[in-house]
Full PDB file with SEQRES, HELIX, SHEET, SSBOND, CRYST1, ORIGX, SCALE, CONECT and MASTER records, all heavy atoms in Angstrom:
SEQRES   1 A   31  LEU ILE VAL PRO LYS THR GLU VAL VAL ALA SER ALA THR          
SEQRES   2 A   31  ILE GLU ASP GLU LYS TYR THR PHE TYR GLU VAL LYS PRO          
SEQRES   3 A   31  LYS GLU GLY PHE TYR                                          
CRYST1    1.000    1.000    1.000  90.00  90.00  90.00 P 1           1          
ORIGX1      1.000000  0.000000  0.000000        0.00000                         
ORIGX2      0.000000  1.000000  0.000000        0.00000                         
ORIGX3      0.000000  0.000000  1.000000        0.00000                         
SCALE1      1.000000  0.000000  0.000000        0.00000                         
SCALE2      0.000000  1.000000  0.000000        0.00000                         
SCALE3      0.000000  0.000000  1.000000        0.00000                         
ATOM      1  N   LEU A   1    -118.003  64.989  -4.048  1.00  0.00           N  
ATOM      2  CA  LEU A   1    -118.567  65.263  -5.405  1.00  0.00           C  
ATOM      3  C   LEU A   1    -117.877  64.336  -6.487  1.00  0.00           C  
ATOM      4  O   LEU A   1    -116.772  64.025  -6.310  1.00  0.00           O  
ATOM      5  CB  LEU A   1    -118.360  66.669  -5.822  1.00  0.00           C  
ATOM      6  CG  LEU A   1    -118.935  67.780  -4.807  1.00  0.00           C  
ATOM      7  CD1 LEU A   1    -118.621  69.147  -5.333  1.00  0.00           C  
ATOM      8  CD2 LEU A   1    -120.481  67.548  -4.564  1.00  0.00           C  
ATOM      9  N   ILE A   2    -118.637  63.977  -7.488  1.00  0.00           N  
ATOM     10  CA  ILE A   2    -118.090  63.312  -8.715  1.00  0.00           C  
ATOM     11  C   ILE A   2    -117.446  64.367  -9.647  1.00  0.00           C  
ATOM     12  O   ILE A   2    -118.201  65.331  -9.941  1.00  0.00           O  
ATOM     13  CB  ILE A   2    -119.160  62.565  -9.454  1.00  0.00           C  
ATOM     14  CG1 ILE A   2    -119.698  61.438  -8.484  1.00  0.00           C  
ATOM     15  CG2 ILE A   2    -118.597  61.906 -10.674  1.00  0.00           C  
ATOM     16  CD1 ILE A   2    -120.903  60.676  -9.016  1.00  0.00           C  
ATOM     17  N   VAL A   3    -116.262  64.188  -9.974  1.00  0.00           N  
ATOM     18  CA  VAL A   3    -115.556  65.086 -10.801  1.00  0.00           C  
ATOM     19  C   VAL A   3    -114.640  64.303 -11.711  1.00  0.00           C  
ATOM     20  O   VAL A   3    -114.296  63.139 -11.539  1.00  0.00           O  
ATOM     21  CB  VAL A   3    -114.682  66.025  -9.979  1.00  0.00           C  
ATOM     22  CG1 VAL A   3    -115.519  67.010  -9.171  1.00  0.00           C  
ATOM     23  CG2 VAL A   3    -113.685  65.299  -9.098  1.00  0.00           C  
ATOM     24  N   PRO A   4    -114.086  64.982 -12.833  1.00  0.00           N  
ATOM     25  CA  PRO A   4    -113.123  64.310 -13.648  1.00  0.00           C  
ATOM     26  C   PRO A   4    -111.874  64.024 -12.869  1.00  0.00           C  
ATOM     27  O   PRO A   4    -111.560  64.710 -11.818  1.00  0.00           O  
ATOM     28  CB  PRO A   4    -112.822  65.399 -14.700  1.00  0.00           C  
ATOM     29  CG  PRO A   4    -114.006  66.164 -14.798  1.00  0.00           C  
ATOM     30  CD  PRO A   4    -114.540  66.325 -13.455  1.00  0.00           C  
ATOM     31  N   LYS A   5    -111.144  62.927 -13.126  1.00  0.00           N  
ATOM     32  CA  LYS A   5    -109.995  62.652 -12.427  1.00  0.00           C  
ATOM     33  C   LYS A   5    -108.855  63.546 -12.587  1.00  0.00           C  
ATOM     34  O   LYS A   5    -108.060  63.865 -11.718  1.00  0.00           O  
ATOM     35  CB  LYS A   5    -109.436  61.217 -12.946  1.00  0.00           C  
ATOM     36  CG  LYS A   5    -110.168  60.027 -12.251  1.00  0.00           C  
ATOM     37  CD  LYS A   5    -109.558  58.676 -12.613  1.00  0.00           C  
ATOM     38  CE  LYS A   5    -110.207  57.529 -11.930  1.00  0.00           C  
ATOM     39  NZ  LYS A   5    -109.563  56.295 -12.272  1.00  0.00           N  
ATOM     40  N   THR A   6    -108.766  64.259 -13.728  1.00  0.00           N  
ATOM     41  CA  THR A   6    -107.707  65.128 -14.023  1.00  0.00           C  
ATOM     42  C   THR A   6    -107.946  66.535 -13.583  1.00  0.00           C  
ATOM     43  O   THR A   6    -108.971  67.133 -13.810  1.00  0.00           O  
ATOM     44  CB  THR A   6    -107.443  65.161 -15.539  1.00  0.00           C  
ATOM     45  OG1 THR A   6    -107.176  63.804 -16.029  1.00  0.00           O  
ATOM     46  CG2 THR A   6    -106.073  66.043 -15.851  1.00  0.00           C  
ATOM     47  N   GLU A   7    -106.985  67.142 -12.853  1.00  0.00           N  
ATOM     48  CA  GLU A   7    -107.048  68.559 -12.386  1.00  0.00           C  
ATOM     49  C   GLU A   7    -106.372  69.435 -13.393  1.00  0.00           C  
ATOM     50  O   GLU A   7    -105.266  69.008 -13.953  1.00  0.00           O  
ATOM     51  CB  GLU A   7    -106.413  68.710 -11.012  1.00  0.00           C  
ATOM     52  CG  GLU A   7    -106.990  67.837  -9.918  1.00  0.00           C  
ATOM     53  CD  GLU A   7    -106.193  68.019  -8.610  1.00  0.00           C  
ATOM     54  OE1 GLU A   7    -105.306  68.889  -8.605  1.00  0.00           O  
ATOM     55  OE2 GLU A   7    -106.623  67.373  -7.655  1.00  0.00           O  
ATOM     56  N   VAL A   8    -106.904  70.575 -13.677  1.00  0.00           N  
ATOM     57  CA  VAL A   8    -106.275  71.495 -14.513  1.00  0.00           C  
ATOM     58  C   VAL A   8    -105.609  72.626 -13.792  1.00  0.00           C  
ATOM     59  O   VAL A   8    -104.790  73.297 -14.369  1.00  0.00           O  
ATOM     60  CB  VAL A   8    -107.214  72.161 -15.578  1.00  0.00           C  
ATOM     61  CG1 VAL A   8    -107.828  71.018 -16.481  1.00  0.00           C  
ATOM     62  CG2 VAL A   8    -108.410  72.869 -14.931  1.00  0.00           C  
ATOM     63  N   VAL A   9    -106.012  72.898 -12.540  1.00  0.00           N  
ATOM     64  CA  VAL A   9    -105.298  73.873 -11.642  1.00  0.00           C  
ATOM     65  C   VAL A   9    -105.248  73.188 -10.279  1.00  0.00           C  
ATOM     66  O   VAL A   9    -106.001  72.273  -9.960  1.00  0.00           O  
ATOM     67  CB  VAL A   9    -106.056  75.156 -11.568  1.00  0.00           C  
ATOM     68  CG1 VAL A   9    -106.018  75.946 -12.863  1.00  0.00           C  
ATOM     69  CG2 VAL A   9    -107.498  75.024 -11.056  1.00  0.00           C  
ATOM     70  N   ALA A  10    -104.240  73.699  -9.518  1.00  0.00           N  
ATOM     71  CA  ALA A  10    -103.993  72.928  -8.254  1.00  0.00           C  
ATOM     72  C   ALA A  10    -105.058  73.152  -7.197  1.00  0.00           C  
ATOM     73  O   ALA A  10    -105.369  72.364  -6.386  1.00  0.00           O  
ATOM     74  CB  ALA A  10    -102.631  73.417  -7.788  1.00  0.00           C  
ATOM     75  N   SER A  11    -105.628  74.409  -7.104  1.00  0.00           N  
ATOM     76  CA  SER A  11    -106.499  74.795  -5.999  1.00  0.00           C  
ATOM     77  C   SER A  11    -107.899  75.166  -6.506  1.00  0.00           C  
ATOM     78  O   SER A  11    -108.125  75.658  -7.630  1.00  0.00           O  
ATOM     79  CB  SER A  11    -105.896  75.932  -5.234  1.00  0.00           C  
ATOM     80  OG  SER A  11    -106.749  76.362  -4.245  1.00  0.00           O  
ATOM     81  N   ALA A  12    -108.914  74.915  -5.650  1.00  0.00           N  
ATOM     82  CA  ALA A  12    -110.263  75.317  -5.969  1.00  0.00           C  
ATOM     83  C   ALA A  12    -110.623  76.614  -5.382  1.00  0.00           C  
ATOM     84  O   ALA A  12    -111.758  77.046  -5.388  1.00  0.00           O  
ATOM     85  CB  ALA A  12    -111.191  74.200  -5.466  1.00  0.00           C  
ATOM     86  N   THR A  13    -109.718  77.284  -4.725  1.00  0.00           N  
ATOM     87  CA  THR A  13    -109.874  78.565  -4.070  1.00  0.00           C  
ATOM     88  C   THR A  13    -108.889  79.605  -4.686  1.00  0.00           C  
ATOM     89  O   THR A  13    -107.888  79.231  -5.226  1.00  0.00           O  
ATOM     90  CB  THR A  13    -109.731  78.524  -2.561  1.00  0.00           C  
ATOM     91  OG1 THR A  13    -108.361  78.040  -2.221  1.00  0.00           O  
ATOM     92  CG2 THR A  13    -110.677  77.558  -1.983  1.00  0.00           C  
ATOM     93  N   ILE A  14    -109.224  80.850  -4.445  1.00  0.00           N  
ATOM     94  CA  ILE A  14    -108.393  81.955  -4.867  1.00  0.00           C  
ATOM     95  C   ILE A  14    -107.984  82.658  -3.613  1.00  0.00           C  
ATOM     96  O   ILE A  14    -108.729  83.309  -2.924  1.00  0.00           O  
ATOM     97  CB  ILE A  14    -109.005  82.954  -5.747  1.00  0.00           C  
ATOM     98  CG1 ILE A  14    -109.386  82.215  -7.157  1.00  0.00           C  
ATOM     99  CG2 ILE A  14    -108.168  84.138  -6.030  1.00  0.00           C  
ATOM    100  CD1 ILE A  14    -110.119  83.180  -8.128  1.00  0.00           C  
ATOM    101  N   GLU A  15    -106.669  82.513  -3.248  1.00  0.00           N  
ATOM    102  CA  GLU A  15    -106.099  83.059  -2.027  1.00  0.00           C  
ATOM    103  C   GLU A  15    -105.949  84.561  -2.152  1.00  0.00           C  
ATOM    104  O   GLU A  15    -106.126  85.325  -1.194  1.00  0.00           O  
ATOM    105  CB  GLU A  15    -104.855  82.406  -1.621  1.00  0.00           C  
ATOM    106  CG  GLU A  15    -104.875  80.894  -1.398  1.00  0.00           C  
ATOM    107  CD  GLU A  15    -105.833  80.573  -0.262  1.00  0.00           C  
ATOM    108  OE1 GLU A  15    -106.073  81.343   0.700  1.00  0.00           O  
ATOM    109  OE2 GLU A  15    -106.453  79.424  -0.382  1.00  0.00           O  
ATOM    110  N   ASP A  16    -105.562  85.068  -3.382  1.00  0.00           N  
ATOM    111  CA  ASP A  16    -105.347  86.488  -3.500  1.00  0.00           C  
ATOM    112  C   ASP A  16    -106.717  87.219  -3.679  1.00  0.00           C  
ATOM    113  O   ASP A  16    -107.414  86.975  -4.623  1.00  0.00           O  
ATOM    114  CB  ASP A  16    -104.469  86.692  -4.792  1.00  0.00           C  
ATOM    115  CG  ASP A  16    -103.956  88.039  -4.871  1.00  0.00           C  
ATOM    116  OD1 ASP A  16    -104.500  89.048  -4.366  1.00  0.00           O  
ATOM    117  OD2 ASP A  16    -102.882  88.220  -5.525  1.00  0.00           O  
ATOM    118  N   GLU A  17    -106.907  88.170  -2.860  1.00  0.00           N  
ATOM    119  CA  GLU A  17    -108.174  88.873  -2.862  1.00  0.00           C  
ATOM    120  C   GLU A  17    -108.325  89.720  -4.098  1.00  0.00           C  
ATOM    121  O   GLU A  17    -109.466  90.294  -4.314  1.00  0.00           O  
ATOM    122  CB  GLU A  17    -108.350  89.711  -1.633  1.00  0.00           C  
ATOM    123  CG  GLU A  17    -108.488  88.921  -0.335  1.00  0.00           C  
ATOM    124  CD  GLU A  17    -108.709  89.690   0.933  1.00  0.00           C  
ATOM    125  OE1 GLU A  17    -108.697  91.002   0.815  1.00  0.00           O  
ATOM    126  OE2 GLU A  17    -108.891  89.124   2.019  1.00  0.00           O  
ATOM    127  N   LYS A  18    -107.266  89.887  -4.901  1.00  0.00           N  
ATOM    128  CA  LYS A  18    -107.416  90.743  -6.048  1.00  0.00           C  
ATOM    129  C   LYS A  18    -108.130  90.029  -7.259  1.00  0.00           C  
ATOM    130  O   LYS A  18    -108.405  90.741  -8.274  1.00  0.00           O  
ATOM    131  CB  LYS A  18    -105.993  91.209  -6.538  1.00  0.00           C  
ATOM    132  CG  LYS A  18    -105.320  92.086  -5.568  1.00  0.00           C  
ATOM    133  CD  LYS A  18    -103.901  92.460  -6.005  1.00  0.00           C  
ATOM    134  CE  LYS A  18    -103.112  93.358  -5.098  1.00  0.00           C  
ATOM    135  NZ  LYS A  18    -101.806  93.712  -5.553  1.00  0.00           N  
ATOM    136  N   TYR A  19    -108.470  88.779  -7.048  1.00  0.00           N  
ATOM    137  CA  TYR A  19    -109.031  87.973  -8.141  1.00  0.00           C  
ATOM    138  C   TYR A  19    -110.403  87.448  -7.786  1.00  0.00           C  
ATOM    139  O   TYR A  19    -110.673  87.281  -6.607  1.00  0.00           O  
ATOM    140  CB  TYR A  19    -108.035  86.856  -8.579  1.00  0.00           C  
ATOM    141  CG  TYR A  19    -106.737  87.357  -9.074  1.00  0.00           C  
ATOM    142  CD1 TYR A  19    -105.623  87.518  -8.192  1.00  0.00           C  
ATOM    143  CD2 TYR A  19    -106.572  87.737 -10.493  1.00  0.00           C  
ATOM    144  CE1 TYR A  19    -104.428  87.989  -8.729  1.00  0.00           C  
ATOM    145  CE2 TYR A  19    -105.356  88.164 -10.943  1.00  0.00           C  
ATOM    146  CZ  TYR A  19    -104.272  88.317 -10.005  1.00  0.00           C  
ATOM    147  OH  TYR A  19    -103.058  88.789 -10.539  1.00  0.00           O  
ATOM    148  N   THR A  20    -111.114  87.066  -8.780  1.00  0.00           N  
ATOM    149  CA  THR A  20    -112.468  86.430  -8.601  1.00  0.00           C  
ATOM    150  C   THR A  20    -112.697  85.509  -9.780  1.00  0.00           C  
ATOM    151  O   THR A  20    -111.852  85.356 -10.666  1.00  0.00           O  
ATOM    152  CB  THR A  20    -113.531  87.545  -8.502  1.00  0.00           C  
ATOM    153  OG1 THR A  20    -114.773  86.877  -8.122  1.00  0.00           O  
ATOM    154  CG2 THR A  20    -113.722  88.245  -9.863  1.00  0.00           C  
ATOM    155  N   PHE A  21    -113.873  84.892  -9.799  1.00  0.00           N  
ATOM    156  CA  PHE A  21    -114.194  83.958 -10.801  1.00  0.00           C  
ATOM    157  C   PHE A  21    -115.122  84.578 -11.800  1.00  0.00           C  
ATOM    158  O   PHE A  21    -115.932  85.437 -11.463  1.00  0.00           O  
ATOM    159  CB  PHE A  21    -114.927  82.671 -10.228  1.00  0.00           C  
ATOM    160  CG  PHE A  21    -113.975  81.826  -9.403  1.00  0.00           C  
ATOM    161  CD1 PHE A  21    -114.218  81.567  -8.030  1.00  0.00           C  
ATOM    162  CD2 PHE A  21    -112.890  81.275  -9.939  1.00  0.00           C  
ATOM    163  CE1 PHE A  21    -113.371  80.806  -7.279  1.00  0.00           C  
ATOM    164  CE2 PHE A  21    -111.983  80.379  -9.170  1.00  0.00           C  
ATOM    165  CZ  PHE A  21    -112.324  80.253  -7.831  1.00  0.00           C  
ATOM    166  N   TYR A  22    -115.069  84.060 -13.040  1.00  0.00           N  
ATOM    167  CA  TYR A  22    -115.983  84.544 -14.117  1.00  0.00           C  
ATOM    168  C   TYR A  22    -116.439  83.356 -14.953  1.00  0.00           C  
ATOM    169  O   TYR A  22    -115.604  82.496 -15.274  1.00  0.00           O  
ATOM    170  CB  TYR A  22    -115.288  85.579 -15.017  1.00  0.00           C  
ATOM    171  CG  TYR A  22    -116.266  86.048 -16.109  1.00  0.00           C  
ATOM    172  CD1 TYR A  22    -117.254  86.937 -15.980  1.00  0.00           C  
ATOM    173  CD2 TYR A  22    -116.109  85.500 -17.429  1.00  0.00           C  
ATOM    174  CE1 TYR A  22    -118.102  87.274 -17.067  1.00  0.00           C  
ATOM    175  CE2 TYR A  22    -116.950  85.828 -18.530  1.00  0.00           C  
ATOM    176  CZ  TYR A  22    -117.963  86.729 -18.328  1.00  0.00           C  
ATOM    177  OH  TYR A  22    -118.791  87.083 -19.296  1.00  0.00           O  
ATOM    178  N   GLU A  23    -117.784  83.299 -15.232  1.00  0.00           N  
ATOM    179  CA  GLU A  23    -118.300  82.198 -15.966  1.00  0.00           C  
ATOM    180  C   GLU A  23    -118.472  82.522 -17.378  1.00  0.00           C  
ATOM    181  O   GLU A  23    -119.195  83.611 -17.663  1.00  0.00           O  
ATOM    182  CB  GLU A  23    -119.640  81.589 -15.384  1.00  0.00           C  
ATOM    183  CG  GLU A  23    -120.172  80.435 -16.125  1.00  0.00           C  
ATOM    184  CD  GLU A  23    -121.481  79.940 -15.465  1.00  0.00           C  
ATOM    185  OE1 GLU A  23    -122.055  80.624 -14.616  1.00  0.00           O  
ATOM    186  OE2 GLU A  23    -121.963  78.854 -15.938  1.00  0.00           O  
ATOM    187  N   VAL A  24    -117.922  81.869 -18.359  1.00  0.00           N  
ATOM    188  CA  VAL A  24    -117.985  82.302 -19.840  1.00  0.00           C  
ATOM    189  C   VAL A  24    -119.404  82.081 -20.319  1.00  0.00           C  
ATOM    190  O   VAL A  24    -119.956  81.028 -20.052  1.00  0.00           O  
ATOM    191  CB  VAL A  24    -117.053  81.416 -20.689  1.00  0.00           C  
ATOM    192  CG1 VAL A  24    -117.194  81.811 -22.140  1.00  0.00           C  
ATOM    193  CG2 VAL A  24    -115.533  81.646 -20.215  1.00  0.00           C  
ATOM    194  N   LYS A  25    -119.971  83.032 -20.896  1.00  0.00           N  
ATOM    195  CA  LYS A  25    -121.347  83.036 -21.396  1.00  0.00           C  
ATOM    196  C   LYS A  25    -121.348  82.465 -22.877  1.00  0.00           C  
ATOM    197  O   LYS A  25    -120.389  82.275 -23.503  1.00  0.00           O  
ATOM    198  CB  LYS A  25    -121.952  84.437 -21.397  1.00  0.00           C  
ATOM    199  CG  LYS A  25    -121.906  85.083 -20.055  1.00  0.00           C  
ATOM    200  CD  LYS A  25    -122.673  84.392 -19.015  1.00  0.00           C  
ATOM    201  CE  LYS A  25    -122.743  85.119 -17.640  1.00  0.00           C  
ATOM    202  NZ  LYS A  25    -121.471  85.204 -17.003  1.00  0.00           N  
ATOM    203  N   PRO A  26    -122.662  82.147 -23.281  1.00  0.00           N  
ATOM    204  CA  PRO A  26    -122.674  81.521 -24.638  1.00  0.00           C  
ATOM    205  C   PRO A  26    -122.169  82.454 -25.765  1.00  0.00           C  
ATOM    206  O   PRO A  26    -122.380  83.645 -25.586  1.00  0.00           O  
ATOM    207  CB  PRO A  26    -124.268  81.303 -24.835  1.00  0.00           C  
ATOM    208  CG  PRO A  26    -124.755  81.263 -23.439  1.00  0.00           C  
ATOM    209  CD  PRO A  26    -123.886  82.057 -22.578  1.00  0.00           C  
ATOM    210  N   LYS A  27    -121.455  81.886 -26.657  1.00  0.00           N  
ATOM    211  CA  LYS A  27    -120.830  82.569 -27.803  1.00  0.00           C  
ATOM    212  C   LYS A  27    -119.720  83.534 -27.482  1.00  0.00           C  
ATOM    213  O   LYS A  27    -119.380  84.411 -28.256  1.00  0.00           O  
ATOM    214  CB  LYS A  27    -121.939  83.350 -28.597  1.00  0.00           C  
ATOM    215  CG  LYS A  27    -123.052  82.409 -29.171  1.00  0.00           C  
ATOM    216  CD  LYS A  27    -124.057  83.146 -30.017  1.00  0.00           C  
ATOM    217  CE  LYS A  27    -125.058  82.198 -30.582  1.00  0.00           C  
ATOM    218  NZ  LYS A  27    -126.147  82.893 -31.384  1.00  0.00           N  
ATOM    219  N   GLU A  28    -119.300  83.584 -26.150  1.00  0.00           N  
ATOM    220  CA  GLU A  28    -118.208  84.486 -25.757  1.00  0.00           C  
ATOM    221  C   GLU A  28    -116.908  83.892 -26.130  1.00  0.00           C  
ATOM    222  O   GLU A  28    -116.546  82.731 -25.759  1.00  0.00           O  
ATOM    223  CB  GLU A  28    -118.248  84.763 -24.272  1.00  0.00           C  
ATOM    224  CG  GLU A  28    -119.224  85.774 -23.914  1.00  0.00           C  
ATOM    225  CD  GLU A  28    -119.234  86.229 -22.455  1.00  0.00           C  
ATOM    226  OE1 GLU A  28    -118.766  85.419 -21.626  1.00  0.00           O  
ATOM    227  OE2 GLU A  28    -119.634  87.405 -22.160  1.00  0.00           O  
ATOM    228  N   GLY A  29    -116.094  84.558 -26.962  1.00  0.00           N  
ATOM    229  CA  GLY A  29    -114.742  84.209 -27.327  1.00  0.00           C  
ATOM    230  C   GLY A  29    -113.794  85.169 -26.686  1.00  0.00           C  
ATOM    231  O   GLY A  29    -114.201  86.092 -25.916  1.00  0.00           O  
ATOM    232  N   PHE A  30    -112.491  85.080 -27.059  1.00  0.00           N  
ATOM    233  CA  PHE A  30    -111.505  85.900 -26.526  1.00  0.00           C  
ATOM    234  C   PHE A  30    -111.813  87.357 -26.806  1.00  0.00           C  
ATOM    235  O   PHE A  30    -111.586  88.245 -26.083  1.00  0.00           O  
ATOM    236  CB  PHE A  30    -110.099  85.484 -26.936  1.00  0.00           C  
ATOM    237  CG  PHE A  30    -109.540  84.328 -26.239  1.00  0.00           C  
ATOM    238  CD1 PHE A  30    -109.453  83.136 -27.012  1.00  0.00           C  
ATOM    239  CD2 PHE A  30    -109.347  84.286 -24.931  1.00  0.00           C  
ATOM    240  CE1 PHE A  30    -108.866  81.952 -26.442  1.00  0.00           C  
ATOM    241  CE2 PHE A  30    -108.807  83.141 -24.326  1.00  0.00           C  
ATOM    242  CZ  PHE A  30    -108.636  81.958 -25.086  1.00  0.00           C  
ATOM    243  N   TYR A  31    -112.312  87.587 -28.046  1.00  0.00           N  
ATOM    244  CA  TYR A  31    -112.516  89.030 -28.446  1.00  0.00           C  
ATOM    245  C   TYR A  31    -113.615  89.606 -27.595  1.00  0.00           C  
ATOM    246  O   TYR A  31    -113.479  90.739 -27.150  1.00  0.00           O  
ATOM    247  CB  TYR A  31    -112.798  89.111 -29.927  1.00  0.00           C  
ATOM    248  CG  TYR A  31    -113.043  90.551 -30.371  1.00  0.00           C  
ATOM    249  CD1 TYR A  31    -112.006  91.374 -30.489  1.00  0.00           C  
ATOM    250  CD2 TYR A  31    -114.335  91.064 -30.430  1.00  0.00           C  
ATOM    251  CE1 TYR A  31    -112.160  92.767 -30.733  1.00  0.00           C  
ATOM    252  CE2 TYR A  31    -114.532  92.385 -30.700  1.00  0.00           C  
ATOM    253  CZ  TYR A  31    -113.457  93.322 -30.834  1.00  0.00           C  
ATOM    254  OH  TYR A  31    -113.625  94.586 -31.071  1.00  0.00           O  
TER     255      TYR A  31                                                      
MASTER        0    0    0    0    0    0    0    6  254    1    0    3          
END                                                                             
């Protein structure tokens, strides 16, 4: 795949089963 050269985290997987992924929706901020 074509991707940016710079990585922001080391792994593309989550080894700990206690965690999952979430995609930020439009207009969602920290609050």
